[in-house]
Protein backbone atom coordinates (compact mmCIF):
# COMPACT_ATOMS: atom_id res chain seq x y z
CA MET A 1 23.90 -8.15 -92.14
CA ILE A 2 25.57 -10.17 -94.93
CA ASN A 3 29.37 -10.07 -95.40
CA GLY A 4 29.53 -6.83 -93.43
CA GLN A 5 26.72 -5.29 -95.47
CA MET A 6 23.37 -4.24 -94.07
CA THR A 7 20.31 -5.54 -95.91
CA LEU A 8 17.74 -2.76 -96.18
CA VAL A 9 14.13 -3.86 -96.00
CA ALA A 10 11.12 -1.55 -96.00
CA PRO A 11 8.35 -3.16 -93.91
CA LEU A 12 5.03 -1.38 -93.38
CA GLY A 13 5.67 0.82 -96.40
CA LEU A 14 8.21 2.92 -94.50
CA ASP A 15 10.20 5.28 -96.72
CA ARG A 16 13.79 4.44 -97.61
CA ASP A 17 14.77 7.81 -96.17
CA PHE A 18 13.71 6.60 -92.73
CA LEU A 19 15.50 3.29 -93.20
CA LEU A 20 18.71 5.01 -94.33
CA LYS A 21 18.77 7.32 -91.30
CA SER A 22 18.11 4.44 -88.95
CA HIS A 23 20.84 2.30 -90.53
CA LEU A 24 23.36 5.13 -90.62
CA LEU A 25 22.87 5.68 -86.91
CA GLN A 26 23.41 1.97 -86.31
CA VAL A 27 26.58 1.82 -88.42
CA LEU A 28 28.12 4.89 -86.79
CA ASP A 29 27.08 3.87 -83.28
CA ASN A 30 28.94 0.58 -83.74
CA ALA A 31 32.15 2.14 -85.05
CA HIS A 32 35.23 2.40 -82.82
CA ASP A 33 36.55 5.41 -84.71
CA PHE A 34 35.89 7.69 -87.67
CA LEU A 35 34.44 6.13 -90.82
CA THR A 36 34.82 7.58 -94.30
CA THR A 37 31.73 7.81 -96.48
CA SER A 38 33.25 5.10 -98.70
CA GLU A 39 33.51 2.77 -95.70
CA ILE A 40 29.91 3.53 -94.77
CA ALA A 41 28.75 2.96 -98.34
CA LYS A 42 30.32 -0.52 -98.31
CA GLN A 43 28.02 -1.41 -95.39
CA ILE A 44 24.94 0.19 -96.99
CA PRO A 45 25.58 -0.31 -100.73
CA GLN A 46 21.98 0.50 -101.71
CA PHE A 47 22.78 4.24 -101.47
CA SER A 48 25.31 6.43 -103.23
CA ILE A 49 28.08 8.28 -101.41
CA ASP A 50 26.40 11.61 -102.25
CA VAL A 51 23.11 10.49 -100.63
CA ILE A 52 24.98 9.23 -97.57
CA GLN A 53 26.88 12.52 -97.21
CA GLN A 54 23.68 14.55 -97.51
CA THR A 55 21.87 12.35 -94.99
CA CYS A 56 24.77 12.60 -92.53
CA ARG A 57 24.52 16.38 -92.62
CA MET A 58 20.81 16.09 -91.83
CA LEU A 59 21.53 13.70 -88.98
CA LYS A 60 24.06 16.10 -87.52
CA GLU A 61 21.44 18.88 -87.39
CA ASP A 62 18.77 16.62 -85.91
CA LEU A 63 21.07 15.16 -83.26
CA HIS A 64 22.06 18.64 -82.17
CA VAL A 65 18.38 19.46 -81.58
CA PHE A 66 17.52 16.22 -79.77
CA PHE A 67 20.76 15.69 -77.84
CA PRO A 68 22.82 18.86 -77.38
CA GLU A 69 26.51 18.38 -76.60
CA PRO A 70 28.03 16.83 -74.58
CA ALA A 71 25.25 14.18 -74.56
CA CYS A 72 25.84 13.48 -78.24
CA GLU A 73 28.35 14.61 -80.87
CA PHE A 74 28.14 14.03 -84.61
CA ILE A 75 31.50 14.94 -86.10
CA ILE A 76 31.99 15.44 -89.85
CA SER A 77 35.65 15.92 -90.72
CA LYS A 78 37.03 16.29 -94.25
CA ARG A 79 40.27 14.67 -93.12
CA SER A 80 39.06 11.89 -90.80
CA GLY A 81 35.49 11.13 -91.86
CA ILE A 82 32.35 10.82 -89.75
CA ARG A 83 31.92 9.76 -86.13
CA LEU A 84 29.01 9.54 -83.71
CA ILE A 85 29.80 9.84 -79.99
CA ARG A 86 26.88 9.09 -77.66
CA ARG A 87 26.99 9.58 -73.89
CA ASN A 88 24.25 8.15 -71.68
CA VAL A 89 21.37 8.67 -74.12
CA THR A 90 19.51 6.28 -76.39
CA LEU A 91 18.92 7.06 -80.06
CA LYS A 92 15.41 5.62 -79.95
CA GLN A 93 13.85 9.05 -79.33
CA LEU A 94 15.25 10.34 -82.62
CA ILE A 95 14.35 7.17 -84.55
CA ASN A 96 10.79 7.40 -83.20
CA HIS A 97 10.64 11.00 -84.37
CA TYR A 98 11.61 9.96 -87.89
CA ALA A 99 9.02 7.17 -87.89
CA GLN A 100 6.26 9.51 -86.76
CA GLN A 101 6.94 11.80 -89.73
CA ASP A 102 6.58 8.93 -92.16
CA LEU A 103 3.28 8.83 -94.09
CA SER A 104 2.95 5.08 -93.54
CA PHE A 105 3.16 5.51 -89.79
CA ILE A 106 0.57 8.28 -89.80
CA LEU A 107 -1.86 6.26 -91.91
CA ILE A 108 -1.43 3.06 -89.87
CA GLN A 109 -1.90 4.92 -86.59
CA LYS A 110 -5.14 6.55 -87.78
CA LEU A 111 -6.56 3.31 -89.14
CA PHE A 112 -5.86 1.29 -86.01
CA LEU A 113 -7.52 3.95 -83.89
CA HIS A 114 -10.56 4.67 -86.09
CA ARG A 115 -10.68 1.63 -88.44
CA GLU A 116 -11.74 3.88 -91.32
CA ILE A 117 -11.01 7.41 -92.57
CA VAL A 118 -12.27 9.54 -95.47
CA SER A 119 -9.77 9.28 -98.33
CA ILE A 120 -9.99 12.84 -99.63
CA ASP A 121 -9.63 14.28 -96.13
CA PHE A 122 -6.41 12.36 -95.57
CA TYR A 123 -4.58 13.24 -98.77
CA GLU A 124 -5.68 16.89 -98.59
CA GLU A 125 -4.52 17.12 -94.96
CA HIS A 126 -1.11 15.69 -95.87
CA HIS A 127 -0.81 17.44 -99.27
CA ILE A 128 -0.39 14.30 -101.35
CA SER A 129 -2.09 13.02 -104.48
CA GLU A 130 -4.57 10.19 -104.60
CA SER A 131 -2.12 8.10 -106.63
CA THR A 132 0.60 8.60 -103.99
CA LEU A 133 -1.78 7.48 -101.26
CA ARG A 134 -2.82 4.42 -103.28
CA ARG A 135 0.84 3.42 -103.72
CA LYS A 136 1.41 3.84 -99.99
CA VAL A 137 -1.60 1.64 -99.18
CA ARG A 138 -0.28 -1.07 -101.53
CA SER A 139 3.16 -1.00 -99.89
CA ILE A 140 1.65 -1.25 -96.39
CA ASN A 141 -0.58 -4.13 -97.48
CA ALA A 142 2.51 -5.99 -98.69
CA THR A 143 3.47 -6.34 -95.01
CA ILE A 144 0.20 -6.51 -93.11
CA ASN A 145 -1.41 -9.02 -95.50
CA ASN A 146 1.01 -11.53 -93.94
CA TYR A 147 -0.92 -11.04 -90.68
CA ASP A 148 -4.46 -11.48 -92.12
CA ILE A 149 -5.00 -7.71 -92.17
CA HIS A 150 -5.80 -5.59 -95.24
CA ILE A 151 -6.42 -1.93 -96.08
CA THR A 152 -9.09 -1.19 -98.70
CA PHE A 153 -9.11 2.05 -100.66
CA ALA A 154 -12.27 3.74 -102.01
CA GLN A 155 -14.09 6.87 -100.82
CA LYS A 156 -13.08 5.62 -97.39
CA ILE A 157 -9.86 3.88 -96.42
CA LYS A 158 -10.74 0.93 -94.19
CA LEU A 159 -8.79 -1.51 -92.06
CA THR A 160 -10.21 -5.01 -92.45
CA GLY A 161 -9.34 -8.50 -91.29
CA SER A 162 -9.43 -10.68 -88.22
CA GLU A 163 -10.13 -8.60 -85.12
CA PHE A 164 -7.91 -11.06 -83.28
CA ALA A 165 -5.02 -10.19 -85.62
CA ILE A 166 -5.76 -6.44 -85.72
CA ARG A 167 -5.63 -5.98 -81.95
CA SER A 168 -2.50 -8.12 -81.59
CA PHE A 169 -0.69 -6.37 -84.42
CA TYR A 170 -1.63 -2.94 -83.06
CA PHE A 171 0.08 -3.68 -79.76
CA SER A 172 3.21 -4.95 -81.56
CA PHE A 173 3.20 -1.77 -83.62
CA LEU A 174 2.92 0.48 -80.55
CA PHE A 175 5.45 -1.50 -78.52
CA LEU A 176 7.89 -1.42 -81.41
CA LEU A 177 7.94 2.35 -81.22
CA TYR A 178 7.06 3.38 -77.67
CA ARG A 179 7.64 0.46 -75.25
CA GLN A 180 5.44 2.08 -72.56
CA LEU A 181 2.23 4.10 -72.14
CA SER A 182 3.91 7.27 -70.87
CA SER A 183 5.87 7.55 -74.16
CA LEU A 184 2.75 7.74 -76.36
CA PRO A 185 2.52 11.24 -77.87
CA LEU A 186 -0.64 13.34 -77.48
CA LEU A 187 -2.45 10.68 -75.46
CA ASP A 188 -5.88 11.76 -74.29
CA GLU A 189 -7.10 10.55 -70.90
CA GLN A 190 -3.81 8.96 -69.86
CA GLY A 191 -5.02 9.10 -66.25
CA PHE A 192 -8.03 6.93 -67.11
CA PHE A 193 -5.90 4.19 -68.66
CA GLU A 194 -3.51 4.26 -65.72
CA SER A 195 -6.25 4.15 -63.07
CA ARG A 196 -8.06 1.31 -64.86
CA SER A 197 -4.78 -0.59 -65.19
CA LEU A 198 -4.24 -0.24 -61.43
CA LYS A 199 -7.75 -1.55 -60.81
CA ILE A 200 -7.11 -4.63 -62.97
CA LEU A 201 -3.81 -5.33 -61.21
CA ASP A 202 -5.50 -5.00 -57.83
CA TYR A 203 -8.15 -7.49 -58.97
CA LEU A 204 -5.42 -9.90 -60.10
CA GLU A 205 -3.56 -9.35 -56.80
CA THR A 206 -0.43 -8.41 -58.73
CA SER A 207 2.00 -5.65 -57.79
CA LEU A 208 4.28 -4.14 -60.43
CA THR A 209 7.14 -1.66 -60.34
CA LEU A 210 6.64 1.70 -62.03
CA ARG A 211 8.45 0.62 -65.18
CA GLU A 212 6.54 -2.69 -65.36
CA PHE A 213 3.28 -0.84 -64.81
CA ASP A 214 4.00 1.44 -67.77
CA ILE A 215 4.28 -1.59 -70.07
CA PHE A 216 1.16 -3.21 -68.60
CA ALA A 217 -0.77 0.03 -69.12
CA LEU A 218 0.28 0.12 -72.78
CA VAL A 219 -1.13 -3.39 -73.27
CA TYR A 220 -4.38 -2.35 -71.56
CA TYR A 221 -4.59 0.84 -73.67
CA THR A 222 -4.25 -1.20 -76.87
CA TYR A 223 -6.96 -3.66 -75.92
CA GLU A 224 -9.32 -0.98 -74.61
CA GLN A 225 -9.00 0.79 -77.95
CA GLY A 226 -9.96 -2.46 -79.66
CA VAL A 227 -13.06 -2.83 -77.50
CA TYR A 228 -13.95 0.83 -78.12
CA ALA A 229 -13.87 0.21 -81.90
CA GLY A 230 -17.06 -1.80 -81.36
CA ILE A 231 -16.14 -4.76 -83.55
CA PRO A 232 -16.88 -8.06 -81.76
CA LEU A 233 -13.95 -10.35 -81.11
CA GLN A 234 -14.83 -13.67 -82.73
CA LEU A 235 -12.52 -16.66 -82.53
CA SER A 236 -11.82 -19.19 -85.24
CA GLU A 237 -11.96 -22.88 -84.37
CA LYS A 238 -8.18 -22.90 -84.10
CA GLU A 239 -8.24 -19.92 -81.73
CA LYS A 240 -11.03 -21.50 -79.64
CA TYR A 241 -8.88 -24.59 -79.27
CA LEU A 242 -5.99 -22.42 -78.11
CA PHE A 243 -8.07 -20.71 -75.40
CA GLN A 244 -9.33 -24.09 -74.18
CA GLN A 245 -5.78 -25.09 -73.23
CA PHE A 246 -5.69 -22.58 -70.34
CA HIS A 247 -7.32 -21.77 -67.02
CA PHE A 248 -8.33 -18.09 -66.62
CA PRO A 249 -9.53 -16.04 -63.65
CA PRO A 250 -13.14 -14.73 -63.93
CA LYS A 251 -13.71 -11.43 -65.70
CA PRO A 252 -13.96 -8.54 -63.20
CA PRO A 253 -17.39 -6.87 -63.06
CA PHE A 254 -15.99 -3.36 -63.63
CA LEU A 255 -14.95 -4.33 -67.19
CA ASN A 256 -18.60 -4.40 -68.17
CA ASN A 257 -17.85 -3.27 -71.75
CA TRP A 258 -15.56 -6.29 -72.30
CA SER A 259 -16.76 -9.74 -73.29
CA LEU A 260 -15.35 -12.81 -71.55
CA ILE A 261 -13.33 -13.64 -74.67
CA GLU A 262 -11.83 -10.13 -74.70
CA TRP A 263 -10.77 -10.51 -71.06
CA GLN A 264 -9.17 -13.90 -71.71
CA PHE A 265 -7.55 -12.57 -74.89
CA PHE A 266 -5.98 -9.71 -72.90
CA LEU A 267 -4.63 -12.05 -70.21
CA LEU A 268 -3.35 -14.67 -72.64
CA PHE A 269 -1.40 -12.07 -74.58
CA LEU A 270 0.23 -10.81 -71.38
CA TYR A 271 1.02 -14.37 -70.33
CA SER A 272 2.52 -15.54 -73.62
CA SER A 273 4.43 -12.38 -74.55
CA GLU A 274 6.69 -12.70 -71.46
CA LEU A 275 7.07 -8.92 -71.36
CA LEU A 276 6.56 -9.16 -67.60
CA HIS A 277 7.61 -11.85 -65.12
CA TYR A 278 4.04 -12.73 -64.14
CA ASN A 279 1.43 -15.24 -65.28
CA PHE A 280 -1.55 -13.03 -64.24
CA LYS A 281 -3.38 -16.09 -62.86
CA VAL A 282 -3.31 -17.80 -66.27
CA SER A 283 -2.20 -21.42 -66.17
CA LEU A 284 -1.67 -24.12 -68.75
CA LYS A 285 -3.87 -27.21 -68.38
CA ASP A 286 -2.04 -30.47 -67.73
CA SER A 287 -3.33 -31.99 -70.95
CA ALA A 288 -2.43 -29.01 -73.14
CA PHE A 289 0.04 -28.78 -75.98
CA ASN A 290 1.10 -32.37 -76.35
CA GLU A 291 2.54 -31.31 -79.71
CA VAL A 292 5.02 -29.06 -77.88
CA LEU A 293 6.67 -32.16 -76.41
CA ASP A 294 8.30 -33.04 -79.74
CA ASP A 295 9.74 -29.53 -80.16
CA SER A 296 11.00 -29.33 -76.58
CA THR A 297 12.55 -32.80 -76.90
CA ASN A 298 14.30 -31.67 -80.09
CA TRP A 299 15.55 -28.51 -78.36
CA VAL A 300 16.87 -30.41 -75.33
CA HIS A 301 18.53 -33.03 -77.53
CA ALA A 302 20.29 -30.36 -79.65
CA PHE A 303 21.43 -28.46 -76.56
CA GLN A 304 22.79 -31.53 -74.78
CA GLN A 305 24.64 -32.58 -77.93
CA THR A 306 26.29 -29.16 -78.17
CA PHE A 307 26.69 -28.06 -74.54
CA HIS A 308 25.88 -30.25 -71.53
CA PRO A 309 23.02 -32.27 -69.93
CA LEU A 310 19.98 -30.41 -68.59
CA THR A 311 18.19 -31.08 -65.31
CA VAL A 312 14.52 -32.05 -65.26
CA ARG A 313 13.65 -28.53 -64.09
CA GLN A 314 15.62 -26.98 -66.97
CA GLN A 315 13.87 -29.25 -69.46
CA GLN A 316 10.52 -28.15 -68.04
CA ALA A 317 11.60 -24.52 -68.56
CA VAL A 318 12.28 -25.31 -72.23
CA PHE A 319 8.81 -26.84 -72.58
CA HIS A 320 7.07 -23.81 -71.04
CA SER A 321 9.15 -21.37 -73.09
CA ILE A 322 8.26 -23.13 -76.34
CA SER A 323 4.58 -23.39 -75.38
CA LYS A 324 4.49 -19.63 -74.69
CA TYR A 325 6.17 -18.91 -77.99
CA ILE A 326 3.67 -21.06 -79.89
CA THR A 327 0.82 -19.38 -78.00
CA LEU A 328 2.16 -15.95 -78.89
CA SER A 329 2.50 -16.93 -82.54
CA HIS A 330 -1.30 -17.39 -82.63
CA PHE A 331 -1.60 -13.69 -81.84
CA VAL A 332 1.04 -12.21 -84.12
CA PHE A 333 3.59 -14.39 -85.85
CA MET A 334 6.35 -11.81 -86.07
CA ARG A 335 7.95 -12.21 -89.45
CA ASP A 336 11.56 -11.24 -90.00
CA GLU A 337 10.83 -7.91 -91.70
CA ILE A 338 9.10 -6.69 -88.52
CA PHE A 339 11.58 -8.36 -86.17
CA PHE A 340 14.36 -6.54 -88.03
CA LEU A 341 13.03 -3.17 -86.86
CA PHE A 342 13.42 -4.15 -83.20
CA ARG A 343 17.22 -4.39 -83.49
CA ILE A 344 17.43 -6.22 -80.16
CA VAL A 345 20.49 -8.44 -80.44
CA ASN A 346 23.71 -7.85 -82.34
CA TYR A 347 25.05 -11.35 -83.01
CA SER A 348 28.17 -10.05 -84.78
CA HIS A 349 29.33 -8.46 -81.52
CA LEU A 350 28.78 -11.73 -79.70
CA GLU A 351 30.73 -13.61 -82.37
CA GLN A 352 33.69 -11.28 -81.86
CA ALA A 353 33.55 -11.36 -78.05
CA ALA A 354 32.93 -15.11 -77.59
CA PRO A 355 33.69 -16.88 -80.89
CA ASN A 356 33.74 -20.41 -79.46
CA TYR A 357 30.45 -19.97 -77.63
CA TYR A 358 28.87 -18.45 -80.72
CA LYS A 359 30.07 -21.33 -82.94
CA ARG A 360 28.52 -23.85 -80.54
CA PHE A 361 25.28 -21.88 -80.63
CA LEU A 362 25.23 -22.05 -84.45
CA VAL A 363 25.78 -25.82 -84.32
CA PHE A 364 22.94 -26.13 -81.79
CA TRP A 365 20.62 -23.99 -83.90
CA LYS A 366 21.28 -25.94 -87.11
CA THR A 367 20.71 -29.25 -85.31
CA PHE A 368 17.46 -28.06 -83.73
CA CYS A 369 16.02 -26.50 -86.91
CA GLN A 370 16.60 -29.69 -88.86
CA LYS A 371 14.19 -31.42 -86.45
CA SER A 372 11.76 -28.47 -85.93
CA PRO A 373 11.97 -26.32 -89.10
CA HIS A 374 8.71 -24.49 -88.29
CA LEU A 375 10.52 -22.80 -85.38
CA ASP A 376 13.34 -21.47 -87.56
CA THR A 377 12.53 -17.78 -86.99
CA ASN A 378 14.57 -14.84 -85.73
CA LEU A 379 12.29 -14.43 -82.73
CA PHE A 380 12.60 -18.03 -81.58
CA ARG A 381 16.32 -17.93 -82.29
CA LEU A 382 16.52 -15.06 -79.81
CA LYS A 383 14.42 -16.94 -77.25
CA SER A 384 16.65 -19.98 -77.67
CA PHE A 385 19.78 -17.94 -77.19
CA THR A 386 18.50 -16.34 -74.01
CA LEU A 387 17.55 -19.79 -72.70
CA MET A 388 21.07 -20.99 -73.42
CA THR A 389 22.56 -18.18 -71.37
CA TYR A 390 20.48 -19.37 -68.42
CA PHE A 391 21.71 -22.93 -68.77
CA SER A 392 25.31 -22.33 -69.86
CA PRO A 393 26.51 -18.90 -68.70
CA LEU A 394 30.04 -17.56 -69.02
CA VAL A 395 31.56 -16.21 -65.80
CA ALA A 396 34.85 -14.43 -65.06
CA PRO A 397 36.08 -13.94 -61.43
CA LEU A 398 37.81 -10.56 -61.18
CA ALA A 399 37.09 -7.13 -59.61
CA PRO A 400 33.52 -7.47 -58.25
CA VAL A 401 30.84 -5.09 -59.52
CA THR A 402 27.10 -5.50 -58.88
CA ILE A 403 24.77 -4.46 -61.71
CA ALA A 404 20.99 -4.21 -62.03
CA ILE A 405 19.63 -4.42 -65.58
CA TYR A 406 16.29 -3.09 -66.78
CA SER A 407 14.96 -3.64 -70.29
CA GLU A 408 11.50 -3.26 -71.83
CA PHE A 409 12.10 -6.83 -73.05
CA ALA A 410 12.85 -8.01 -69.50
CA GLY A 411 10.84 -11.19 -69.89
CA PHE A 412 13.36 -12.77 -72.24
CA LEU A 413 16.27 -10.34 -72.79
CA SER A 414 17.73 -9.38 -69.39
CA LYS A 415 19.71 -12.61 -69.04
CA TYR A 416 21.11 -12.17 -72.54
CA LEU A 417 22.20 -8.62 -71.66
CA SER A 418 23.87 -9.79 -68.46
CA ASP A 419 25.77 -12.56 -70.28
CA ARG A 420 26.70 -10.16 -73.06
CA LEU A 421 28.26 -7.86 -70.46
CA THR A 422 29.89 -10.78 -68.67
CA ILE A 423 31.48 -11.96 -71.91
CA HIS A 424 32.68 -8.51 -72.91
CA PHE A 425 34.18 -7.67 -69.51
CA GLN A 426 35.32 -11.18 -68.55
CA ALA A 427 38.99 -10.16 -68.60
CA PHE A 428 38.40 -7.12 -66.38
CA TYR A 429 35.60 -7.51 -63.83
CA GLN A 430 33.54 -10.08 -61.95
CA LEU A 431 30.01 -8.94 -62.63
CA THR A 432 27.11 -9.92 -60.39
CA PHE A 433 23.55 -9.16 -61.47
CA VAL A 434 20.75 -8.35 -59.03
CA ASP A 435 17.12 -7.31 -59.35
CA SER A 436 17.16 -4.65 -56.63
CA PHE A 437 18.41 -1.22 -57.65
CA LEU A 438 19.27 -0.57 -54.01
CA ASP A 439 21.73 -3.49 -53.97
CA ALA A 440 23.45 -2.48 -57.21
CA ASP A 441 26.62 -0.46 -57.82
CA LEU A 442 25.28 0.50 -61.25
CA ILE A 443 21.95 0.39 -63.10
CA ILE A 444 22.00 -0.32 -66.84
CA SER A 445 18.71 0.40 -68.62
CA THR A 446 17.52 0.42 -72.23
CA THR A 447 15.00 3.16 -71.45
CA PRO A 448 14.89 6.22 -69.15
CA LEU A 449 13.80 5.28 -65.63
CA HIS A 450 11.59 7.10 -63.20
CA PRO A 451 13.84 9.11 -60.80
CA ASP A 452 12.06 7.66 -57.77
CA GLU A 453 13.21 4.15 -58.74
CA LEU A 454 16.94 4.88 -58.94
CA LEU A 455 17.29 5.00 -55.12
CA GLY A 456 20.50 7.01 -55.46
CA THR A 457 22.22 4.39 -57.63
CA PRO A 458 24.04 5.72 -60.73
CA ALA A 459 22.34 4.73 -63.98
CA ILE A 460 23.36 4.42 -67.62
CA ILE A 461 21.00 4.33 -70.60
CA VAL A 462 22.03 2.01 -73.42
CA GLU A 463 20.67 0.56 -76.65
CA PRO A 464 19.22 -3.01 -76.46
CA THR A 465 21.96 -4.08 -78.90
CA LEU A 466 24.73 -2.88 -76.52
CA ASN A 467 26.67 -1.03 -79.18
CA ILE A 468 30.34 -0.04 -78.96
CA ALA A 469 29.41 3.38 -77.55
CA ASP A 470 27.43 1.70 -74.78
CA LEU A 471 30.22 -0.71 -73.84
CA LEU A 472 32.79 2.09 -73.68
CA LEU A 473 30.49 4.15 -71.47
CA ILE A 474 29.82 1.18 -69.18
CA GLN A 475 33.53 0.42 -68.91
CA ASP A 476 34.30 4.02 -67.94
CA LYS A 477 31.56 4.03 -65.30
CA ILE A 478 32.57 0.65 -63.83
CA GLN A 479 36.19 1.75 -63.61
CA VAL A 480 35.12 4.86 -61.69
CA ILE A 481 33.25 2.61 -59.25
CA VAL A 482 36.26 0.29 -58.81
CA ASN A 483 38.65 3.23 -58.39
CA GLU A 484 36.46 4.82 -55.72
CA ARG A 485 36.69 1.63 -53.65
CA THR A 486 40.49 1.64 -53.70
CA GLU A 487 40.90 5.32 -52.82
């Protein structure tokens, strides 16, 4: 967002219609009150007022189908303007629906699964011309070429490139949309992938919750599909060097269709992505990543200049966080156009809620990037911010409320969410955050949870960005909890 305006980018060849709907939902979900179409157009100046009005009418119909009132209301008033009111639902289901209708999404999904498809079959099935399909392939290549992946177009459309990059990108693509295995549409043999995932976890002597297991199973599904494609996983010299920096557990005998490299690849991705709070018996060798020392030293120096001194243990946490980030970047270096689609953190909200803290963060970030410019990315900026909230949290002692947070990005986002809530409610409540749902007064989740895990605790579903609608809903729910104690 620049000067209050949203910058529309079209990664992966996604249609502007999809991007407009997604951005309109974001603008309206962050509004405190009604917005006129002129006010909306100022935030999304790439589209005319007529297009915005027409798209809003379409959104109103779609929201009514996906989220009947009172869960969601989309009000269009000639006098007041347009307003979206969302109650305890996340808009991701609708955004996923739009993405799945997009021709780019359909083509990418087919190619990652089958690696090649017959050209004439595809454009006849989807009632498009060959020239339209060629343009779509070119627009997708404009994004995926950045990841050493390419689509060729002849009698067959083929996905080519590094198998290392293809498998990594495919998981990022699926996680971007679905977050967990159970959300994949029309999945054949889901029971097989779940049972095999359980067998792997048992071998690794690791126990996960239901929600963690769903994420783990999605990673396994992605990598099993890569093995099934039958293309050997061959490492470059740079990738071989990366693997040599770690200790791995032996490959289990029941994965007889996997090579040793595929097993280590699977584990290293889990380890470095920090989607789950486990190392899966992967450990960094003592002699590894000497080059990370310079970056971690730069990070610590910038932090201590801006905030306060760090303990030895905290400095070690910075080193391991940076080493995992650099490891992950060997798999898929998430460029900003892909990161943009995640919409994880809304920095403008933070700037409004804690302006002094946010200014210090900007000073820290500028100082650090001057020393380590290769880490000046949106993803590492987010990792750095979540680290900062560990080391320098903001606390407000008022009415006590205990909250458990669950996010699909739990490995690096939960602490940010807790500090975001602490900052926003610092004048009203003393918030304490716990891992156990049983010990919590309220569960706040960015995705629907399995009913068996709630343990009778009330739960609220929010967006990862914690939009205005989410904060209002949370405030209402917390106040109910506080009022019940005083009655």
